[in-house]
Each structure stands twice: as C-alpha cells, then as structure tokens.
C-alpha cells in the first residue's frame, strides 16, 4: 500500500433514512424495543415496521401526486429517504419535480444527477396484490408490469428528484443490493459519468408471503417483539427478524484542494468520505448458505481496504452484517479474524434496533456508521452478545459488511475527513 492518494474523493453530502426507528438514529440511552407484533396465520411474529409518523408520511406521499397512488411501499420509502438526503445536501429539487414548487425561470443548469437504488425484492406488496387479483378474477391491470419491475424503484426516485439528464439504475443482489448501488455510483462519479448521485437501498417486505418464506427457512426469532427479538452475535437460537426501511445518500466527487477550502469555512461540519466499496463471491452449492470462514466476506473486506489504500489496522469499528443466524454470525466472525487477526476492531450492529431490512440493510448500516463517526457512541444491547458495548478507541474509520443469498458479499469503508 504505497501508492499516492488520489486527488479526488467521493463524499457523502447528505443522508436520509426510514426504519423501525422512524427517521431517527439509534440513541446511546437505553431503548425501548421498536419492534411490532404481526399475526401470521396461527402465530404471532415480531417485525421491524415503521412507526405511525412515517406511516402518515407515506400516505401523504400517495396523495401528493396522482401517479404516486399506484406505487409500491418500497418505492415510497425510497422517496422519503431520498428527499431527506437531498435536503441535507442542500441540493434544491430540480425545476418541475414533484418535490419542488420552483419554476425553470432564471434557474442555472442543474448538475447531472443520477440515481442508483438497490432492493432485494423490489415492489413486493404490489406484485403480490396483482398476482392475487389475477388468481381470483383472471384479470391483470395494465400497470402491473411497469409498477413491479425492479427498474421502477430507481426511476421513480429520479422522477421525484426532477432529473432528466442522468442514469436511473436499480440493483438486486439480495441483502447486499444497496452496496451494489453504492459501488455503481462510486464508479460513475470517479469516471466522470455523473456529477451527483443519489444512491442507497430500500425494502418493504412485511407481507404475509415474505414473512412465511423467512419462517420456512427456520431462522425466525422466537422472542416477542418487546424483548429485542433480533439478537446479532448472541448465538443460539436463531434470531432473524424481518424489517422494512430505506436509506439514501447524496454523493459527489470533489478534489482535495476544493474540499480543504470548503472545510476552512466550515471547520466543524463532519465530511464523510466513501473510500471504497468491495465485493466478494463464493461459489457454493447452497444458495442460502455460506462457507464456515466466510470467504466472500474476506474478499469483499480486503477489496474495500485495497481501494482505500489503507491497512486493516486503521479500521476502528465494523458495522456487522450479522443477521442473528448462528451460522451467518459465526462465518462473519471467522472472516474478520482472517482479515484483522486477533486484534479485532470494535464490533457493532443496528439490526437489533431495526431488524433485517434485506436490500436496505447495507445502506442503513452505512448511515449508522456515519452516525458513529459523528457521535463516537452507540447503544449497548440489553442481551448477552459479542458486540462491543462502548467504543474502545476514537472512531475515525468504519468498515460496513453486507451479504446475501447466492454467495455474494460487499463491504464499504467510510471515514471522516
């Protein structure tokens, strides 16, 4: 790792998130469980559903613009998160967008804005609804196909932002989908194919059919909603809990000199640098399994470090993928030991606060990492686990892991500059 640093950086201008915690981030104070109870056939299961204030915002979105009344919940969650990200970045909605009342008069040309959104399942609720209507009545709505394609997710985010000059790309690689979207955004920005990017992940999987699928895997948590049922790093039994949510980031490329001049005027404002997004894959026979030593995790983490041109010992904390399944949690720990040795960084997770949000989980974990870099604290779980209860060192660089069915994994590296 001797090469000179690049003159340009990919920075996070703004962030938006929606989850079982609403639009807030985990507080270091003791939490009450944000999970809810859902009736599934003859049993009760815990889910990470959004709170009433977010539900009201989703319904307001549906009423705001006629086309939005047809959209899947997955898309609406992405719109809420994207609007937060652009507002925090100070990017005005482009003239003519539904999110803006601006006119095109006397407005300078807007920078090229592209959109890249990951989702494991896409328009889950609408797809199931259209299929049920077909089975019961034999008819299919004309809008069924365009409203349920995966590309529908990014294209509506782009529509809402008012962009007409950039790309709109949707990605799906199960639970690492958001990092596929982030990796694509980083590559485009570095190549000069876009000036600005909205990138992240979204998922609304809390349907009876999807919950039944997770139950069929035999991994769902037996704990009640009030007992923090998702318990990463706690061992047996398996404590997977499904959640919904989205997180979106406003990304730009900037040269170091321009950033230094900007920081001189705002010395205390944190600036997050997305240093690398690495990917790994392992060809295993089971599409729901992984190797005991997490080969795909190892490859992804090493690639993220290589892109950033930093050594493993510079990583202060890892936001784990760790879904609460004993085999998955153990494989990730083995991969961490292979990359970092016995002196592991601090290990943290937000899934015990949100559940596993599938294609949104990596993005929500990256958002949590930025929160840690800002506050230098995180909440300590109320159950026995191998997670680090409080920071053991100053947190300046965080690695975030994600993995999904099919043998794929992804890791992102973020730091404060």
Protein backbone atom coordinates (compact mmCIF):
# COMPACT_ATOMS: atom_id res chain seq x y z
CA UNK A 1 0.00 0.00 0.00
CA UNK A 2 2.49 2.56 -1.15
CA UNK A 3 0.67 4.35 -3.96
CA UNK A 4 -0.09 8.05 -3.60
CA UNK A 5 -3.63 9.03 -2.58
CA UNK A 6 -5.99 10.11 -5.32
CA UNK A 7 -6.53 13.85 -5.74
CA UNK A 8 -10.31 13.33 -5.65
CA UNK A 9 -12.65 11.97 -3.02
CA UNK A 10 -16.19 10.63 -3.05
CA UNK A 11 -18.02 12.38 -0.24
CA UNK A 12 -21.45 11.98 1.31
CA UNK A 13 -23.22 15.34 1.09
CA UNK A 14 -26.44 14.20 2.66
CA UNK A 15 -28.17 11.17 4.17
CA UNK A 16 -31.75 10.09 4.61
CA UNK A 17 -33.21 7.09 6.37
CA UNK A 18 -36.51 5.47 7.29
CA UNK A 19 -36.79 2.40 9.54
CA UNK A 20 -38.48 0.99 12.62
CA UNK A 21 -36.89 3.94 14.44
CA UNK A 22 -38.63 6.36 12.09
CA UNK A 23 -36.23 8.88 10.62
CA UNK A 24 -34.09 8.89 13.77
CA UNK A 25 -30.85 7.07 14.54
CA UNK A 26 -30.13 4.76 17.50
CA UNK A 27 -29.71 6.74 20.71
CA UNK A 28 -26.99 5.71 23.20
CA UNK A 29 -29.54 5.84 26.00
CA UNK A 30 -31.45 2.64 26.88
CA UNK A 31 -34.04 1.92 24.21
CA UNK A 32 -37.50 0.50 24.29
CA UNK A 33 -37.90 -2.16 21.66
CA UNK A 34 -39.18 -0.58 18.42
CA UNK A 35 -40.45 -3.90 17.07
CA UNK A 36 -44.11 -4.65 16.47
CA UNK A 37 -46.18 -7.83 16.52
CA UNK A 38 -47.70 -9.19 13.32
CA UNK A 39 -50.21 -12.02 13.13
CA UNK A 40 -49.13 -14.65 10.61
CA UNK A 41 -51.60 -17.49 10.13
CA UNK A 42 -51.86 -19.08 13.59
CA UNK A 43 -48.90 -17.40 15.26
CA UNK A 44 -47.52 -14.02 16.26
CA UNK A 45 -44.18 -12.83 14.87
CA UNK A 46 -42.04 -9.78 15.53
CA UNK A 47 -41.39 -7.31 12.70
CA UNK A 48 -39.49 -4.06 12.31
CA UNK A 49 -42.25 -1.89 10.86
CA UNK A 50 -42.12 1.89 10.57
CA UNK A 51 -43.81 3.94 13.32
CA UNK A 52 -47.06 5.91 12.86
CA UNK A 53 -45.39 9.21 11.92
CA UNK A 54 -43.64 7.56 8.98
CA UNK A 55 -46.83 5.74 8.03
CA UNK A 56 -48.58 9.12 7.87
CA UNK A 57 -45.78 10.47 5.65
CA UNK A 58 -46.13 7.50 3.30
CA UNK A 59 -49.86 8.08 2.99
CA UNK A 60 -49.26 11.79 2.38
CA UNK A 61 -46.91 10.87 -0.45
CA UNK A 62 -49.62 8.70 -2.00
CA UNK A 63 -51.99 11.65 -2.02
CA UNK A 64 -49.44 14.23 -3.17
CA UNK A 65 -49.21 13.30 -6.84
CA UNK A 66 -51.63 11.15 -8.80
CA UNK A 67 -49.02 8.65 -10.11
CA UNK A 68 -47.80 8.03 -6.55
CA UNK A 69 -51.12 6.46 -5.58
CA UNK A 70 -50.14 3.34 -7.53
CA UNK A 71 -46.61 2.97 -6.19
CA UNK A 72 -45.34 0.12 -4.08
CA UNK A 73 -44.38 0.80 -0.49
CA UNK A 74 -40.75 0.01 -1.38
CA UNK A 75 -40.68 2.98 -3.75
CA UNK A 76 -42.38 5.34 -1.30
CA UNK A 77 -39.82 4.52 1.41
CA UNK A 78 -37.04 5.33 -1.06
CA UNK A 79 -38.69 8.65 -1.94
CA UNK A 80 -38.83 9.68 1.72
CA UNK A 81 -35.17 8.82 2.29
CA UNK A 82 -34.03 10.46 -0.96
CA UNK A 83 -35.82 13.69 -0.11
CA UNK A 84 -34.05 13.80 3.26
CA UNK A 85 -30.67 13.21 1.59
CA UNK A 86 -31.11 15.96 -0.99
CA UNK A 87 -32.35 18.40 1.65
CA UNK A 88 -29.35 17.72 3.89
CA UNK A 89 -27.02 18.06 0.91
CA UNK A 90 -28.54 21.41 0.05
CA UNK A 91 -29.47 20.18 -3.42
CA UNK A 92 -32.59 22.02 -4.48
CA UNK A 93 -35.09 19.79 -6.29
CA UNK A 94 -34.75 20.42 -9.98
CA UNK A 95 -37.42 22.67 -11.55
CA UNK A 96 -40.58 20.79 -12.39
CA UNK A 97 -40.02 17.91 -9.96
CA UNK A 98 -42.91 16.85 -7.69
CA UNK A 99 -40.71 17.63 -4.66
CA UNK A 100 -40.32 21.27 -5.68
CA UNK A 101 -42.50 24.27 -6.38
CA UNK A 102 -39.67 26.02 -8.25
CA UNK A 103 -40.06 27.17 -11.81
CA UNK A 104 -37.47 26.98 -14.54
CA UNK A 105 -37.28 30.78 -14.84
CA UNK A 106 -33.82 32.23 -14.18
CA UNK A 107 -32.50 28.95 -12.79
CA UNK A 108 -28.91 27.90 -13.64
CA UNK A 109 -28.45 24.50 -15.27
CA UNK A 110 -28.55 21.80 -12.61
CA UNK A 111 -25.60 19.40 -12.27
CA UNK A 112 -26.13 15.98 -13.79
CA UNK A 113 -27.91 13.83 -11.20
CA UNK A 114 -28.01 10.05 -11.49
CA UNK A 115 -29.84 7.57 -9.27
CA UNK A 116 -28.80 4.09 -8.18
CA UNK A 117 -31.07 2.18 -5.79
CA UNK A 118 -30.75 -1.37 -4.51
CA UNK A 119 -33.64 -3.60 -3.46
CA UNK A 120 -33.65 -7.33 -2.88
CA UNK A 121 -37.28 -7.89 -3.87
CA UNK A 122 -38.50 -4.61 -5.29
CA UNK A 123 -42.23 -3.99 -5.42
CA UNK A 124 -43.14 -6.85 -3.10
CA UNK A 125 -46.59 -5.73 -1.98
CA UNK A 126 -47.85 -4.62 -5.38
CA UNK A 127 -46.56 -7.77 -7.08
CA UNK A 128 -48.39 -9.96 -4.60
CA UNK A 129 -51.55 -7.84 -4.91
CA UNK A 130 -51.57 -8.02 -8.72
CA UNK A 131 -50.99 -11.77 -8.59
CA UNK A 132 -53.80 -12.28 -6.09
CA UNK A 133 -56.16 -10.27 -8.31
CA UNK A 134 -55.18 -12.40 -11.29
CA UNK A 135 -55.81 -15.66 -9.40
CA UNK A 136 -59.18 -14.50 -8.08
CA UNK A 137 -60.54 -12.73 -11.15
CA UNK A 138 -58.35 -13.70 -14.10
CA UNK A 139 -57.60 -10.07 -14.97
CA UNK A 140 -54.34 -8.12 -14.78
CA UNK A 141 -54.14 -4.35 -14.52
CA UNK A 142 -52.32 -2.61 -17.37
CA UNK A 143 -49.97 -1.01 -14.86
CA UNK A 144 -48.94 -4.33 -13.30
CA UNK A 145 -45.76 -4.83 -15.29
CA UNK A 146 -44.24 -1.31 -15.12
CA UNK A 147 -45.11 -0.97 -11.43
CA UNK A 148 -43.44 -4.24 -10.42
CA UNK A 149 -40.18 -4.24 -12.40
CA UNK A 150 -37.08 -3.60 -10.33
CA UNK A 151 -36.18 -0.61 -12.50
CA UNK A 152 -39.40 1.01 -11.30
CA UNK A 153 -37.69 1.77 -7.95
CA UNK A 154 -34.85 3.98 -9.20
CA UNK A 155 -36.89 5.56 -11.97
CA UNK A 156 -39.45 6.95 -9.52
CA UNK A 157 -36.71 8.33 -7.27
CA UNK A 158 -35.24 10.04 -10.33
CA UNK A 159 -38.69 11.34 -11.31
CA UNK A 160 -39.26 12.75 -7.84
CA UNK A 161 -35.87 14.47 -7.91
CA UNK A 162 -36.69 16.01 -11.27
CA UNK A 163 -33.60 14.74 -13.06
CA UNK A 164 -33.71 14.27 -16.83
CA UNK A 165 -30.02 14.02 -17.69
CA UNK A 166 -28.61 11.18 -15.58
CA UNK A 167 -28.96 7.44 -15.31
CA UNK A 168 -31.57 5.67 -13.17
CA UNK A 169 -30.39 2.20 -12.20
CA UNK A 170 -31.85 -0.43 -9.91
CA UNK A 171 -29.79 -3.29 -8.44
CA UNK A 172 -30.63 -6.60 -6.82
CA UNK A 173 -28.17 -8.97 -5.18
CA UNK A 174 -30.34 -9.84 -2.17
CA UNK A 175 -29.06 -8.31 1.08
CA UNK A 176 -26.01 -6.59 -0.42
CA UNK A 177 -28.13 -4.77 -3.03
CA UNK A 178 -27.58 -1.31 -1.54
CA UNK A 179 -23.81 -1.68 -1.80
CA UNK A 180 -24.14 -2.76 -5.41
CA UNK A 181 -25.90 0.56 -5.93
CA UNK A 182 -23.24 2.48 -3.96
CA UNK A 183 -20.42 0.75 -5.85
CA UNK A 184 -22.02 1.66 -9.16
CA UNK A 185 -22.39 5.28 -8.04
CA UNK A 186 -18.75 5.49 -6.94
CA UNK A 187 -17.56 4.08 -10.27
CA UNK A 188 -19.68 6.53 -12.30
CA UNK A 189 -18.54 9.51 -10.23
CA UNK A 190 -14.88 8.54 -10.49
CA UNK A 191 -15.25 8.07 -14.23
CA UNK A 192 -16.90 11.47 -14.70
CA UNK A 193 -20.14 9.90 -15.94
CA UNK A 194 -22.18 11.82 -13.36
CA UNK A 195 -21.70 14.91 -11.21
CA UNK A 196 -24.08 13.93 -8.44
CA UNK A 197 -25.61 10.66 -7.33
CA UNK A 198 -28.50 9.57 -5.16
CA UNK A 199 -27.65 6.01 -4.12
CA UNK A 200 -28.90 3.62 -1.47
CA UNK A 201 -31.31 0.80 -0.76
CA UNK A 202 -34.98 0.26 0.04
CA UNK A 203 -37.22 -2.64 1.04
CA UNK A 204 -40.82 -3.15 2.15
CA UNK A 205 -41.01 -6.94 2.66
CA UNK A 206 -43.51 -7.18 5.52
CA UNK A 207 -46.13 -9.14 3.60
CA UNK A 208 -47.58 -12.43 4.78
CA UNK A 209 -45.98 -14.32 1.91
CA UNK A 210 -42.49 -12.92 2.54
CA UNK A 211 -42.77 -13.48 6.28
CA UNK A 212 -43.85 -17.06 5.58
CA UNK A 213 -40.76 -17.52 3.38
CA UNK A 214 -38.50 -16.44 6.24
CA UNK A 215 -40.38 -18.75 8.59
CA UNK A 216 -39.87 -21.62 6.13
CA UNK A 217 -36.08 -21.13 6.37
CA UNK A 218 -36.29 -21.95 10.08
CA UNK A 219 -34.31 -18.87 11.10
CA UNK A 220 -37.01 -16.58 12.54
CA UNK A 221 -36.66 -15.35 16.11
CA UNK A 222 -38.77 -16.99 18.83
CA UNK A 223 -38.60 -13.87 21.02
CA UNK A 224 -41.50 -11.47 21.47
CA UNK A 225 -41.44 -8.02 19.91
CA UNK A 226 -40.92 -6.28 23.26
CA UNK A 227 -37.82 -8.40 24.04
CA UNK A 228 -35.49 -7.11 21.29
CA UNK A 229 -36.11 -10.25 19.23
CA UNK A 230 -33.26 -9.68 16.71
CA UNK A 231 -30.01 -10.53 18.54
CA UNK A 232 -26.88 -10.46 16.37
CA UNK A 233 -23.89 -12.16 17.95
CA UNK A 234 -25.95 -13.81 20.69
CA UNK A 235 -25.57 -17.40 19.47
CA UNK A 236 -28.46 -19.83 19.53
CA UNK A 237 -31.36 -19.80 18.87
CA UNK A 238 -31.53 -18.06 15.53
CA UNK A 239 -32.99 -14.58 15.98
CA UNK A 240 -33.59 -13.28 12.46
CA UNK A 241 -36.37 -10.65 12.34
CA UNK A 242 -37.62 -9.02 9.15
CA UNK A 243 -37.81 -5.23 8.92
CA UNK A 244 -38.68 -2.53 6.40
CA UNK A 245 -36.87 0.67 5.60
CA UNK A 246 -34.66 2.68 3.28
CA UNK A 247 -31.50 4.80 3.33
CA UNK A 248 -30.24 7.04 0.54
CA UNK A 249 -27.03 9.07 0.19
CA UNK A 250 -26.26 12.21 -1.79
CA UNK A 251 -22.79 11.63 -3.27
CA UNK A 252 -20.35 13.93 -5.05
CA UNK A 253 -16.75 13.78 -6.25
CA UNK A 254 -14.53 16.63 -5.07
CA UNK A 255 -10.81 17.34 -5.30
CA UNK A 256 -8.85 17.60 -2.07
CA UNK A 257 -7.97 21.25 -2.55
CA UNK A 258 -11.60 22.23 -3.08
CA UNK A 259 -12.62 20.26 -0.01
CA UNK A 260 -9.89 21.92 2.05
CA UNK A 261 -11.16 25.35 1.01
CA UNK A 262 -14.70 24.33 1.86
CA UNK A 263 -13.66 22.99 5.25
CA UNK A 264 -11.88 26.25 6.06
CA UNK A 265 -15.25 27.96 6.04
CA UNK A 266 -16.99 25.16 7.99
CA UNK A 267 -14.28 23.56 10.13
CA UNK A 268 -16.66 21.75 12.49
CA UNK A 269 -19.04 20.21 9.96
CA UNK A 270 -18.25 16.49 9.51
CA UNK A 271 -17.48 15.37 5.97
CA UNK A 272 -17.78 11.66 5.25
CA UNK A 273 -15.58 10.08 2.61
CA UNK A 274 -16.76 6.86 0.95
CA UNK A 275 -13.30 5.38 0.50
CA UNK A 276 -14.10 2.06 -1.14
CA UNK A 277 -16.80 -0.48 -1.92
CA UNK A 278 -15.53 -4.03 -2.31
CA UNK A 279 -17.32 -7.16 -3.49
CA UNK A 280 -16.82 -10.85 -2.87
CA UNK A 281 -18.38 -14.05 -4.14
CA UNK A 282 -18.08 -17.71 -3.24
CA UNK A 283 -19.41 -20.44 -5.48
CA UNK A 284 -21.12 -22.80 -3.06
CA UNK A 285 -23.79 -25.38 -3.75
CA UNK A 286 -26.36 -23.96 -1.32
CA UNK A 287 -27.74 -20.59 -2.37
CA UNK A 288 -28.87 -19.91 1.19
CA UNK A 289 -25.59 -20.95 2.83
CA UNK A 290 -22.03 -19.74 3.11
CA UNK A 291 -18.62 -21.18 3.92
CA UNK A 292 -17.70 -21.51 7.62
CA UNK A 293 -14.87 -18.99 7.23
CA UNK A 294 -16.87 -16.51 5.14
CA UNK A 295 -14.68 -16.43 2.05
CA UNK A 296 -16.93 -13.89 0.33
CA UNK A 297 -16.71 -11.59 3.37
CA UNK A 298 -12.92 -11.85 3.34
CA UNK A 299 -12.69 -10.95 -0.34
CA UNK A 300 -15.08 -8.01 -0.01
CA UNK A 301 -13.32 -6.55 3.04
CA UNK A 302 -9.87 -6.85 1.50
CA UNK A 303 -11.06 -5.23 -1.72
CA UNK A 304 -12.59 -2.28 0.15
CA UNK A 305 -9.28 -1.81 2.01
CA UNK A 306 -7.33 -2.07 -1.24
CA UNK A 307 -9.45 0.58 -2.93
CA UNK A 308 -8.94 2.91 0.02
CA UNK A 309 -5.21 2.15 0.06
CA UNK A 310 -5.25 1.64 3.84
CA UNK A 311 -4.16 -1.14 6.17
CA UNK A 312 -6.59 -3.28 8.15
CA UNK A 313 -5.31 -1.89 11.46
CA UNK A 314 -6.59 1.59 10.53
CA UNK A 315 -10.20 0.37 10.83
CA UNK A 316 -11.62 1.30 14.22
CA UNK A 317 -15.06 -0.32 14.03
CA UNK A 318 -17.06 -2.73 11.89
CA UNK A 319 -20.80 -2.48 11.40
CA UNK A 320 -21.58 -6.15 11.00
CA UNK A 321 -23.95 -7.80 8.57
CA UNK A 322 -24.73 -10.27 11.39
CA UNK A 323 -28.44 -11.10 10.91
CA UNK A 324 -28.77 -13.09 14.14
CA UNK A 325 -28.41 -16.50 12.49
CA UNK A 326 -25.77 -18.61 14.31
CA UNK A 327 -24.07 -19.88 11.12
CA UNK A 328 -24.05 -16.49 9.41
CA UNK A 329 -22.81 -14.66 12.50
CA UNK A 330 -20.04 -17.22 13.09
CA UNK A 331 -18.83 -17.13 9.46
CA UNK A 332 -18.54 -13.35 9.54
CA UNK A 333 -16.51 -13.51 12.78
CA UNK A 334 -14.16 -16.06 11.20
CA UNK A 335 -13.74 -13.80 8.17
CA UNK A 336 -12.95 -10.85 10.44
CA UNK A 337 -10.23 -12.84 12.21
CA UNK A 338 -8.74 -13.80 8.84
CA UNK A 339 -8.55 -10.14 7.76
CA UNK A 340 -7.78 -8.40 11.07
CA UNK A 341 -6.10 -11.11 13.14
CA UNK A 342 -6.87 -11.37 16.84
CA UNK A 343 -6.92 -7.59 17.40
CA UNK A 344 -10.40 -7.02 16.03
CA UNK A 345 -11.94 -3.58 15.60
CA UNK A 346 -14.96 -2.74 17.72
CA UNK A 347 -17.96 -4.77 16.52
CA UNK A 348 -21.34 -3.04 16.29
CA UNK A 349 -24.75 -3.64 14.73
CA UNK A 350 -28.01 -1.78 14.17
CA UNK A 351 -30.10 -4.84 13.29
CA UNK A 352 -31.09 -5.37 16.90
CA UNK A 353 -32.79 -1.95 16.62
CA UNK A 354 -34.26 -2.32 13.10
CA UNK A 355 -34.45 -5.98 12.12
CA UNK A 356 -33.03 -7.23 8.84
CA UNK A 357 -34.25 -4.94 6.08
CA UNK A 358 -32.84 -7.10 3.25
CA UNK A 359 -31.89 -4.84 0.32
CA UNK A 360 -31.97 -1.73 2.51
CA UNK A 361 -29.83 -3.19 5.30
CA UNK A 362 -26.39 -2.25 3.93
CA UNK A 363 -27.49 1.35 3.35
CA UNK A 364 -28.96 1.64 6.83
CA UNK A 365 -25.72 0.19 8.23
CA UNK A 366 -23.66 2.78 6.34
CA UNK A 367 -25.91 5.52 7.70
CA UNK A 368 -25.34 4.10 11.20
CA UNK A 369 -21.57 4.14 10.57
CA UNK A 370 -21.72 7.86 9.71
CA UNK A 371 -23.70 8.42 12.91
CA UNK A 372 -20.99 6.66 14.92
CA UNK A 373 -18.26 8.74 13.28
CA UNK A 374 -20.16 11.88 14.28
CA UNK A 375 -21.18 11.00 17.83
CA UNK A 376 -18.48 8.48 18.86
CA UNK A 377 -21.13 6.45 20.69
CA UNK A 378 -23.62 3.68 20.06
CA UNK A 379 -26.31 1.95 22.15
CA UNK A 380 -25.38 -1.18 24.09
CA UNK A 381 -27.69 -4.19 23.60
CA UNK A 382 -29.65 -5.41 26.60
CA UNK A 383 -28.88 -9.08 25.83
CA UNK A 384 -25.68 -11.15 26.00
CA UNK A 385 -23.74 -10.77 22.77
CA UNK A 386 -20.23 -10.39 21.36
CA UNK A 387 -20.97 -6.84 20.17
CA UNK A 388 -18.71 -4.16 21.66
CA UNK A 389 -20.80 -2.31 24.29
CA UNK A 390 -18.95 1.04 24.09
CA UNK A 391 -16.14 2.38 21.88
CA UNK A 392 -12.69 1.19 22.93
CA UNK A 393 -10.88 3.86 20.87
CA UNK A 394 -11.58 7.01 18.85
CA UNK A 395 -13.63 6.02 15.81
CA UNK A 396 -12.22 7.57 12.62
CA UNK A 397 -12.75 4.84 10.02
CA UNK A 398 -15.57 2.27 9.87
CA UNK A 399 -15.99 -0.83 7.70
CA UNK A 400 -19.53 -1.98 6.91
CA UNK A 401 -20.37 -5.54 5.82
CA UNK A 402 -23.31 -6.96 3.89
CA UNK A 403 -24.02 -10.36 2.42
CA UNK A 404 -26.90 -12.15 0.74
CA UNK A 405 -28.19 -15.36 -0.75
CA UNK A 406 -26.23 -16.71 -3.67
CA UNK A 407 -22.75 -16.39 -2.18
CA UNK A 408 -22.29 -12.63 -2.61
CA UNK A 409 -20.91 -10.14 -0.10
CA UNK A 410 -19.97 -6.47 -0.11
CA UNK A 411 -18.06 -4.16 2.19
CA UNK A 412 -17.84 -0.36 2.29
CA UNK A 413 -15.29 1.81 4.02
CA UNK A 414 -16.20 5.28 5.34
CA UNK A 415 -14.16 7.83 7.26
CA UNK A 416 -14.30 11.44 8.40
CA UNK A 417 -12.04 13.84 6.50
